């Protein structure tokens, strides 16, 4: 199960001194102590005061992890201080259970030790995985799927038999003059769409590149195959220091687009400082 990060843009800052029930108050006190220890901020997904808080910084797109004070399954209703982070591997739970990433204790001091041990800034690969799975993957795959469906629909308008289609294509390319005008036009449209798709596919690489521009103007980038369906592991990606000129041009083209926009043969703009483009 891929760890599900929360984007900092979804978080709302919390304020001290707000009236809370005892459990929620304990959770907030723990979260504030954790943030003080790590010198980061505390946020929540919505304005409803709860028992769960996120640790983050304004200069990074993803929250570092989640902390709180709550009762969970198998604790007989007792409340525990917990730390939820991808660095945790709690083998009491199956891989598909979100609690796999949770460690818990009744001790406040031990819980703070867990914060310092497990909470850390997500890596570039974690950031790339998050945006690839959430937004970019669908865009890149639907781009080629739409072209494939377009060619197939034009082929089905002529025949469902591959041998017949191949023979008609050979006749068309050899300059044969069809006596039935409607058939000639359908064959022409199909062959043209097929050729266009072939030309477009030559302009696409099998790899894509994720680029993150940091607040200081520098960048981090990694290259990986478009066939990644889950977490991008270190062995799947190549770190890139200098961006090739075609990649720079694709990023420049996407800067005028809105967030989450995709341009065929170019890539996806995730946000003003994050892009996934053809490598």
Protein backbone atom coordinates (compact mmCIF):
# COMPACT_ATOMS: atom_id res chain seq x y z
CA UNK A 1 0.00 0.00 0.00
CA UNK A 2 1.45 3.35 -1.06
CA UNK A 3 1.58 5.90 1.73
CA UNK A 4 -1.00 8.63 1.22
CA UNK A 5 0.52 12.04 1.79
CA UNK A 6 -1.52 15.17 2.46
CA UNK A 7 -0.69 18.31 0.50
CA UNK A 8 0.08 21.34 2.65
CA UNK A 9 -2.25 23.45 0.51
CA UNK A 10 -5.13 21.45 2.02
CA UNK A 11 -4.15 22.26 5.61
CA UNK A 12 -5.41 24.94 7.96
CA UNK A 13 -3.23 26.26 10.76
CA UNK A 14 -4.36 25.52 14.32
CA UNK A 15 -4.45 28.02 17.15
CA UNK A 16 -3.58 27.53 20.78
CA UNK A 17 -6.14 28.41 23.44
CA UNK A 18 -9.14 27.06 21.52
CA UNK A 19 -11.69 25.22 23.66
CA UNK A 20 -11.44 21.47 23.04
CA UNK A 21 -12.69 18.32 24.67
CA UNK A 22 -10.05 16.54 26.81
CA UNK A 23 -9.01 14.01 24.15
CA UNK A 24 -8.72 16.60 21.39
CA UNK A 25 -6.84 18.91 23.78
CA UNK A 26 -4.32 16.15 24.51
CA UNK A 27 -3.89 15.55 20.78
CA UNK A 28 -3.27 19.25 20.11
CA UNK A 29 -0.83 19.57 23.00
CA UNK A 30 1.11 16.62 21.63
CA UNK A 31 1.05 18.03 18.09
CA UNK A 32 2.30 21.43 19.26
CA UNK A 33 5.09 19.81 21.27
CA UNK A 34 6.05 17.72 18.23
CA UNK A 35 6.10 20.81 16.01
CA UNK A 36 8.22 22.67 18.54
CA UNK A 37 10.67 19.76 18.66
CA UNK A 38 10.99 19.65 14.86
CA UNK A 39 10.65 23.42 14.37
CA UNK A 40 7.77 23.01 11.95
CA UNK A 41 4.08 23.89 11.85
CA UNK A 42 0.84 22.13 12.83
CA UNK A 43 -2.20 21.94 10.57
CA UNK A 44 -5.45 20.08 10.11
CA UNK A 45 -7.38 19.08 7.02
CA UNK A 46 -10.43 21.12 7.93
CA UNK A 47 -11.47 23.58 10.61
CA UNK A 48 -13.17 20.93 12.70
CA UNK A 49 -11.10 20.36 15.84
CA UNK A 50 -10.15 16.71 15.97
CA UNK A 51 -7.69 14.26 17.46
CA UNK A 52 -5.44 14.21 14.39
CA UNK A 53 -2.94 16.86 13.25
CA UNK A 54 -0.34 17.16 10.50
CA UNK A 55 3.25 18.40 10.76
CA UNK A 56 4.49 20.47 7.84
CA UNK A 57 6.42 23.50 6.59
CA UNK A 58 5.18 26.18 4.20
CA UNK A 59 8.13 25.67 1.85
CA UNK A 60 7.35 22.02 1.03
CA UNK A 61 4.28 20.68 -0.83
CA UNK A 62 3.62 17.61 1.36
CA UNK A 63 3.00 17.23 5.09
CA UNK A 64 5.66 15.22 6.89
CA UNK A 65 3.30 12.98 8.83
CA UNK A 66 0.35 12.85 11.19
CA UNK A 67 0.23 12.82 14.99
CA UNK A 68 -2.56 12.62 17.50
CA UNK A 69 -4.11 11.15 20.62
CA UNK A 70 -6.93 8.70 20.00
CA UNK A 71 -8.31 5.23 20.52
CA UNK A 72 -7.77 2.88 17.61
CA UNK A 73 -8.80 -0.65 16.83
CA UNK A 74 -7.30 -3.31 19.14
CA UNK A 75 -6.56 -0.87 22.01
CA UNK A 76 -9.76 -1.68 23.96
CA UNK A 77 -10.87 1.93 23.86
CA UNK A 78 -7.70 3.29 25.48
CA UNK A 79 -6.23 6.47 24.04
CA UNK A 80 -2.67 6.42 22.73
CA UNK A 81 -0.32 9.09 21.44
CA UNK A 82 0.47 8.05 17.91
CA UNK A 83 2.82 8.96 15.08
CA UNK A 84 1.79 8.16 11.52
CA UNK A 85 4.62 8.23 8.98
CA UNK A 86 5.91 6.26 5.97
CA UNK A 87 9.08 5.64 7.99
CA UNK A 88 7.07 3.42 10.37
CA UNK A 89 6.66 -0.27 9.53
CA UNK A 90 4.25 -1.72 12.09
CA UNK A 91 4.17 -5.42 11.22
CA UNK A 92 1.15 -5.98 13.48
CA UNK A 93 -0.91 -4.78 10.53
CA UNK A 94 -1.17 -6.03 6.95
CA UNK A 95 0.40 -4.13 4.07
CA UNK A 96 -3.00 -2.84 2.94
CA UNK A 97 -3.89 -1.46 6.40
CA UNK A 98 -3.16 2.24 6.92
CA UNK A 99 -2.18 1.48 10.53
CA UNK A 100 0.93 -0.19 9.09
CA UNK A 101 2.45 3.29 9.20
CA UNK A 102 1.48 3.98 12.82
CA UNK A 103 3.38 3.60 16.07
CA UNK A 104 1.64 4.32 19.39
CA UNK A 105 2.37 4.70 23.07
CA UNK A 106 0.68 5.95 26.25
CA UNK A 107 3.83 7.85 27.22
CA UNK A 108 3.98 11.50 26.12
CA UNK A 109 7.80 11.54 26.27
CA UNK A 110 8.10 8.29 24.31
CA UNK A 111 5.70 9.69 21.73
CA UNK A 112 7.96 12.72 21.26
CA UNK A 113 10.90 10.37 20.79
CA UNK A 114 8.89 8.63 18.06
CA UNK A 115 8.27 11.99 16.41
CA UNK A 116 11.99 12.72 16.25
CA UNK A 117 12.69 9.21 15.03
CA UNK A 118 10.06 8.82 12.33
CA UNK A 119 8.88 12.23 11.13
CA UNK A 120 10.97 13.56 8.27
CA UNK A 121 10.61 15.57 5.08
CA UNK A 122 9.35 13.39 2.19
CA UNK A 123 11.96 12.57 -0.43
CA UNK A 124 11.88 13.70 -4.05
CA UNK A 125 10.75 10.19 -5.06
CA UNK A 126 7.87 10.41 -2.56
CA UNK A 127 6.86 13.77 -4.02
CA UNK A 128 7.13 12.42 -7.58
CA UNK A 129 5.11 9.31 -6.67
CA UNK A 130 2.37 11.40 -5.06
CA UNK A 131 1.87 13.64 -8.10
CA UNK A 132 2.36 10.86 -10.65
CA UNK A 133 -0.31 8.64 -9.11
CA UNK A 134 -2.72 11.43 -8.22
CA UNK A 135 -2.64 13.49 -11.41
CA UNK A 136 -0.06 12.89 -14.12
CA UNK A 137 -0.32 9.15 -14.78
CA UNK A 138 -3.92 9.35 -15.95
CA UNK A 139 -3.07 12.29 -18.24
CA UNK A 140 -0.14 10.57 -19.92
CA UNK A 141 -1.93 7.27 -20.43
CA UNK A 142 -5.21 8.82 -21.61
CA UNK A 143 -3.25 10.86 -24.16
CA UNK A 144 -2.14 7.74 -26.04
CA UNK A 145 -5.38 5.87 -25.30
CA UNK A 146 -7.44 8.59 -27.00
CA UNK A 147 -5.31 8.32 -30.14
CA UNK A 148 -5.55 4.53 -30.14
CA UNK A 149 -9.34 4.67 -29.77
CA UNK A 150 -9.53 7.21 -32.59
CA UNK A 151 -7.67 4.91 -34.97
CA UNK A 152 -9.73 1.89 -33.89
CA UNK A 153 -13.05 3.67 -34.37
CA UNK A 154 -12.09 4.63 -37.92
CA UNK A 155 -10.97 1.04 -38.60
CA UNK A 156 -14.27 -0.39 -37.29
CA UNK A 157 -16.16 1.90 -39.67
CA UNK A 158 -14.55 -0.09 -42.48
CA UNK A 159 -14.28 -3.66 -41.19
CA UNK A 160 -13.70 -5.74 -38.07
CA UNK A 161 -11.43 -8.16 -39.94
CA UNK A 162 -7.70 -7.45 -39.61
CA UNK A 163 -6.90 -9.17 -42.89
CA UNK A 164 -9.43 -7.02 -44.75
CA UNK A 165 -8.05 -3.84 -43.18
CA UNK A 166 -4.49 -4.80 -44.09
CA UNK A 167 -5.45 -5.49 -47.69
CA UNK A 168 -7.33 -2.18 -47.97
CA UNK A 169 -4.37 -0.31 -46.51
CA UNK A 170 -2.01 -1.93 -49.02
CA UNK A 171 -4.34 -0.99 -51.87
CA UNK A 172 -4.62 2.60 -50.65
CA UNK A 173 -0.85 3.03 -50.25
CA UNK A 174 -0.23 1.56 -53.71
CA UNK A 175 -2.43 4.26 -55.28
CA UNK A 176 -5.43 2.04 -56.05
CA UNK A 177 -8.55 4.01 -57.02
CA UNK A 178 -11.58 2.73 -55.13
CA UNK A 179 -14.81 2.68 -57.08
CA UNK A 180 -16.93 3.30 -53.96
CA UNK A 181 -16.30 6.86 -52.82
CA UNK A 182 -17.53 6.37 -49.26
CA UNK A 183 -15.20 3.39 -48.77
CA UNK A 184 -12.27 5.34 -50.24
CA UNK A 185 -12.89 8.20 -47.80
CA UNK A 186 -13.13 5.88 -44.80
CA UNK A 187 -9.89 4.13 -45.75
CA UNK A 188 -8.18 7.50 -46.27
CA UNK A 189 -9.32 8.78 -42.82
CA UNK A 190 -8.21 5.56 -41.12
CA UNK A 191 -4.76 5.42 -42.77
CA UNK A 192 -4.22 9.15 -42.10
CA UNK A 193 -5.10 8.72 -38.40
CA UNK A 194 -2.82 5.70 -38.21
CA UNK A 195 0.09 7.63 -39.73
CA UNK A 196 -0.48 10.62 -37.47
CA UNK A 197 -0.45 8.39 -34.41
CA UNK A 198 2.80 6.81 -35.60
CA UNK A 199 4.41 10.23 -36.04
CA UNK A 200 3.25 11.38 -32.60
CA UNK A 201 4.57 8.26 -30.94
CA UNK A 202 8.03 9.00 -32.31
CA UNK A 203 7.95 12.37 -30.51
CA UNK A 204 7.26 10.69 -27.18
CA UNK A 205 9.89 9.00 -25.10
CA UNK A 206 9.12 5.99 -22.95
CA UNK A 207 10.25 8.01 -19.92
CA UNK A 208 8.93 11.06 -18.12
CA UNK A 209 10.64 13.52 -15.81
CA UNK A 210 9.37 15.08 -12.59
CA UNK A 211 10.79 18.50 -11.78
CA UNK A 212 10.37 20.35 -8.49
CA UNK A 213 11.54 23.95 -8.27
CA UNK A 214 12.43 24.88 -4.70
CA UNK A 215 11.73 28.30 -3.15
CA UNK A 216 15.38 29.32 -3.57
CA UNK A 217 15.14 28.83 -7.34
CA UNK A 218 17.11 25.59 -7.52
CA UNK A 219 15.49 22.38 -8.73
CA UNK A 220 15.34 18.65 -8.11
CA UNK A 221 14.42 16.23 -10.86
CA UNK A 222 14.12 12.52 -11.49
CA UNK A 223 13.42 10.43 -14.59
CA UNK A 224 11.38 7.24 -14.63
CA UNK A 225 9.38 5.03 -16.98
CA UNK A 226 5.73 5.70 -17.82
CA UNK A 227 4.86 2.15 -16.80
CA UNK A 228 5.18 2.99 -13.07
CA UNK A 229 1.85 2.13 -11.46
CA UNK A 230 2.76 2.31 -7.78
CA UNK A 231 5.55 3.72 -5.64
CA UNK A 232 8.59 4.98 -7.56
CA UNK A 233 11.50 3.14 -6.00
CA UNK A 234 15.12 4.25 -6.16
CA UNK A 235 15.93 1.53 -8.68
CA UNK A 236 13.15 2.77 -10.97
CA UNK A 237 14.37 6.36 -11.19
CA UNK A 238 17.42 8.29 -12.26
CA UNK A 239 18.24 11.55 -10.50
CA UNK A 240 18.84 14.38 -12.95
CA UNK A 241 21.02 17.39 -12.13
CA UNK A 242 21.07 19.36 -15.40
CA UNK A 243 17.78 19.59 -17.30
CA UNK A 244 18.07 18.85 -21.04
CA UNK A 245 17.04 21.71 -23.32
CA UNK A 246 13.87 19.92 -24.61
CA UNK A 247 12.74 19.44 -21.00
CA UNK A 248 13.36 23.13 -20.23
CA UNK A 249 11.29 24.08 -23.27
CA UNK A 250 8.41 21.81 -22.21
CA UNK A 251 8.42 23.25 -18.70
CA UNK A 252 8.41 26.77 -20.18
CA UNK A 253 5.40 25.89 -22.33
CA UNK A 254 3.50 24.64 -19.27
CA UNK A 255 4.19 27.75 -17.18
CA UNK A 256 1.39 29.60 -18.98
CA UNK A 257 -1.12 26.82 -18.24
CA UNK A 258 -3.31 26.39 -15.19
CA UNK A 259 -2.49 23.92 -12.43
CA UNK A 260 -3.38 20.29 -13.25
CA UNK A 261 -3.36 21.10 -16.99
CA UNK A 262 -2.00 18.59 -19.49
CA UNK A 263 -0.66 19.34 -22.97
CA UNK A 264 -0.20 16.46 -25.41
CA UNK A 265 3.45 15.71 -26.28
CA UNK A 266 4.55 18.11 -23.54
CA UNK A 267 3.37 17.06 -20.09
CA UNK A 268 1.38 18.04 -17.01
CA UNK A 269 1.68 21.15 -14.88
CA UNK A 270 1.04 20.07 -11.29
CA UNK A 271 1.57 23.52 -9.77
CA UNK A 272 3.67 26.61 -10.44
CA UNK A 273 6.79 24.82 -9.19
CA UNK A 274 6.07 21.18 -10.08
CA UNK A 275 5.91 19.56 -13.52
CA UNK A 276 5.84 16.12 -15.13
CA UNK A 277 7.04 16.22 -18.75
CA UNK A 278 8.28 13.87 -21.43
CA UNK A 279 11.99 13.24 -20.87
